[in-house]
C-alpha atoms as a PDB file:
ATOM      1  CA  MET A   1      15.367  -9.709  65.349  1.00  0.00           C
ATOM      2  CA  HIS A   2      18.809 -11.183  65.029  1.00  0.00           C
ATOM      3  CA  ILE A   3      18.958 -14.859  64.099  1.00  0.00           C
ATOM      4  CA  GLU A   4      22.055 -16.984  64.083  1.00  0.00           C
ATOM      5  CA  ALA A   5      21.731 -20.469  62.638  1.00  0.00           C
ATOM      6  CA  GLU A   6      24.118 -23.232  61.720  1.00  0.00           C
ATOM      7  CA  LEU A   7      23.114 -25.002  58.504  1.00  0.00           C
ATOM      8  CA  ASP A   8      24.530 -28.181  57.049  1.00  0.00           C
ATOM      9  CA  ASP A   9      26.409 -27.835  53.765  1.00  0.00           C
ATOM     10  CA  THR A  10      23.433 -28.794  51.590  1.00  0.00           C
ATOM     11  CA  HIS A  11      21.036 -26.265  53.112  1.00  0.00           C
ATOM     12  CA  ALA A  12      23.668 -23.537  53.269  1.00  0.00           C
ATOM     13  CA  ALA A  13      24.311 -24.010  49.539  1.00  0.00           C
ATOM     14  CA  ARG A  14      20.586 -23.959  48.795  1.00  0.00           C
ATOM     15  CA  LEU A  15      20.090 -20.760  50.784  1.00  0.00           C
ATOM     16  CA  LEU A  16      22.976 -19.067  48.990  1.00  0.00           C
ATOM     17  CA  ALA A  17      21.647 -20.273  45.613  1.00  0.00           C
ATOM     18  CA  LEU A  18      18.214 -18.834  46.423  1.00  0.00           C
ATOM     19  CA  GLN A  19      19.822 -15.564  47.411  1.00  0.00           C
ATOM     20  CA  GLN A  20      21.757 -15.369  44.160  1.00  0.00           C
ATOM     21  CA  ARG A  21      18.813 -16.427  41.957  1.00  0.00           C
ATOM     22  CA  GLN A  22      16.485 -13.890  43.519  1.00  0.00           C
ATOM     23  CA  ASN A  23      19.129 -11.197  43.909  1.00  0.00           C
ATOM     24  CA  LYS A  24      17.968 -10.563  47.477  1.00  0.00           C
ATOM     25  CA  SER A  25      19.611 -10.420  50.876  1.00  0.00           C
ATOM     26  CA  ILE A  26      19.569 -13.482  53.103  1.00  0.00           C
ATOM     27  CA  ALA A  27      17.019 -11.710  55.319  1.00  0.00           C
ATOM     28  CA  GLU A  28      14.705 -11.070  52.349  1.00  0.00           C
ATOM     29  CA  VAL A  29      14.973 -14.701  51.226  1.00  0.00           C
ATOM     30  CA  LEU A  30      14.126 -15.891  54.739  1.00  0.00           C
ATOM     31  CA  ILE A  31      11.194 -13.483  54.945  1.00  0.00           C
ATOM     32  CA  ASP A  32       9.815 -14.850  51.657  1.00  0.00           C
ATOM     33  CA  LEU A  33      10.250 -18.449  52.844  1.00  0.00           C
ATOM     34  CA  ILE A  34       8.565 -17.751  56.177  1.00  0.00           C
ATOM     35  CA  ASP A  35       5.653 -15.955  54.508  1.00  0.00           C
ATOM     36  CA  ALA A  36       5.173 -18.744  51.941  1.00  0.00           C
ATOM     37  CA  ASN A  37       5.173 -21.395  54.654  1.00  0.00           C
ATOM     38  CA  TRP A  38       2.866 -19.311  56.845  1.00  0.00           C
ATOM     39  CA  ASN A  39       0.310 -18.870  54.068  1.00  0.00           C
ATOM     40  CA  GLN A  40       0.527 -22.512  53.017  1.00  0.00           C
ATOM     41  CA  THR A  41      -0.032 -23.655  56.601  1.00  0.00           C
ATOM     42  CA  LEU A  42      -3.022 -21.320  57.021  1.00  0.00           C
ATOM     43  CA  ASP A  43      -4.549 -22.538  53.734  1.00  0.00           C
ATOM     44  CA  ALA A  44      -4.079 -26.182  54.714  1.00  0.00           C
ATOM     45  CA  ASN A  45      -5.616 -25.627  58.148  1.00  0.00           C
ATOM     46  CA  THR A  46      -8.585 -23.827  56.650  1.00  0.00           C
ATOM     47  CA  GLU A  47      -9.218 -26.626  54.148  1.00  0.00           C
ATOM     48  CA  ASN A  48      -8.882 -29.413  56.719  1.00  0.00           C
ATOM     49  CA  GLU A  49     -10.640 -27.757  59.623  1.00  0.00           C
ATOM     50  CA  THR A  50     -14.344 -28.408  60.072  1.00  0.00           C
ATOM     51  CA  SER A  51     -16.132 -26.316  62.651  1.00  0.00           C
ATOM     52  CA  PRO A  52     -17.452 -28.158  65.726  1.00  0.00           C
ATOM     53  CA  LEU A  53     -20.899 -26.692  65.053  1.00  0.00           C
ATOM     54  CA  PHE A  54     -20.946 -28.169  61.535  1.00  0.00           C
ATOM     55  CA  GLN A  55     -19.778 -31.536  62.911  1.00  0.00           C
ATOM     56  CA  ALA A  56     -22.587 -31.510  65.505  1.00  0.00           C
ATOM     57  CA  PHE A  57     -25.251 -30.604  62.932  1.00  0.00           C
ATOM     58  CA  ASP A  58     -23.902 -33.196  60.500  1.00  0.00           C
ATOM     59  CA  SER A  59     -23.893 -35.990  63.081  1.00  0.00           C
ATOM     60  CA  ALA A  60     -27.478 -35.044  64.059  1.00  0.00           C
ATOM     61  CA  GLY A  61     -28.527 -35.329  60.411  1.00  0.00           C
ATOM     62  CA  LEU A  62     -29.302 -31.634  60.086  1.00  0.00           C
ATOM     63  CA  ILE A  63     -27.054 -30.942  57.086  1.00  0.00           C
ATOM     64  CA  GLY A  64     -28.594 -31.303  53.655  1.00  0.00           C
ATOM     65  CA  CYS A  65     -29.808 -29.464  50.608  1.00  0.00           C
ATOM     66  CA  ILE A  66     -32.737 -29.331  48.220  1.00  0.00           C
ATOM     67  CA  ALA A  67     -33.291 -27.787  44.807  1.00  0.00           C
ATOM     68  CA  THR A  68     -35.999 -25.152  44.993  1.00  0.00           C
ATOM     69  CA  GLY A  69     -36.745 -21.532  44.192  1.00  0.00           C
ATOM     70  CA  GLU A  70     -35.354 -18.526  45.987  1.00  0.00           C
ATOM     71  CA  GLU A  71     -38.556 -17.878  47.960  1.00  0.00           C
ATOM     72  CA  LEU A  72     -38.180 -20.941  50.211  1.00  0.00           C
ATOM     73  CA  SER A  73     -38.295 -18.820  53.370  1.00  0.00           C
ATOM     74  CA  THR A  74     -41.910 -17.917  52.613  1.00  0.00           C
ATOM     75  CA  THR A  75     -43.056 -21.104  50.827  1.00  0.00           C
ATOM     76  CA  HIS A  76     -41.305 -23.803  52.847  1.00  0.00           C
ATOM     77  CA  LYS A  77     -44.552 -25.275  54.232  1.00  0.00           C
ATOM     78  CA  GLN A  78     -45.803 -25.985  50.719  1.00  0.00           C
ATOM     79  CA  LYS A  79     -42.462 -27.274  49.393  1.00  0.00           C
ATOM     80  CA  LEU A  80     -41.172 -29.477  52.254  1.00  0.00           C
ATOM     81  CA  ASP A  81     -42.680 -32.717  53.508  1.00  0.00           C
ATOM     82  CA  PHE A  82     -42.907 -32.692  57.307  1.00  0.00           C
ATOM     83  CA  SER A  83     -44.895 -35.953  57.559  1.00  0.00           C
ATOM     84  CA  ASN A  84     -41.955 -37.924  59.070  1.00  0.00           C
ATOM     85  CA  ILE A  85     -41.467 -35.550  61.999  1.00  0.00           C
ATOM     86  CA  THR A  86     -42.607 -36.842  65.364  1.00  0.00           C
ATOM     87  CA  ALA A  87     -42.886 -34.662  68.427  1.00  0.00           C
END
């Protein structure tokens, strides 16, 4: 892809300084900047994004935790109190 861009003096100087500091071509510097921004944006979206399913379960009061042993799948009737459940 060929990109032509007009930068103001400040950003042109910064781009050239980055190129000189990293001893890379302008294209390589731009690739690094794009990749860094891409990864940062993906990380931020992942951290801030809550799945709709989790939101629905949370609003219904179905999200929680308890401290118990690993065998809860087979001993849940003895360990959990179901007395508040109404049909």
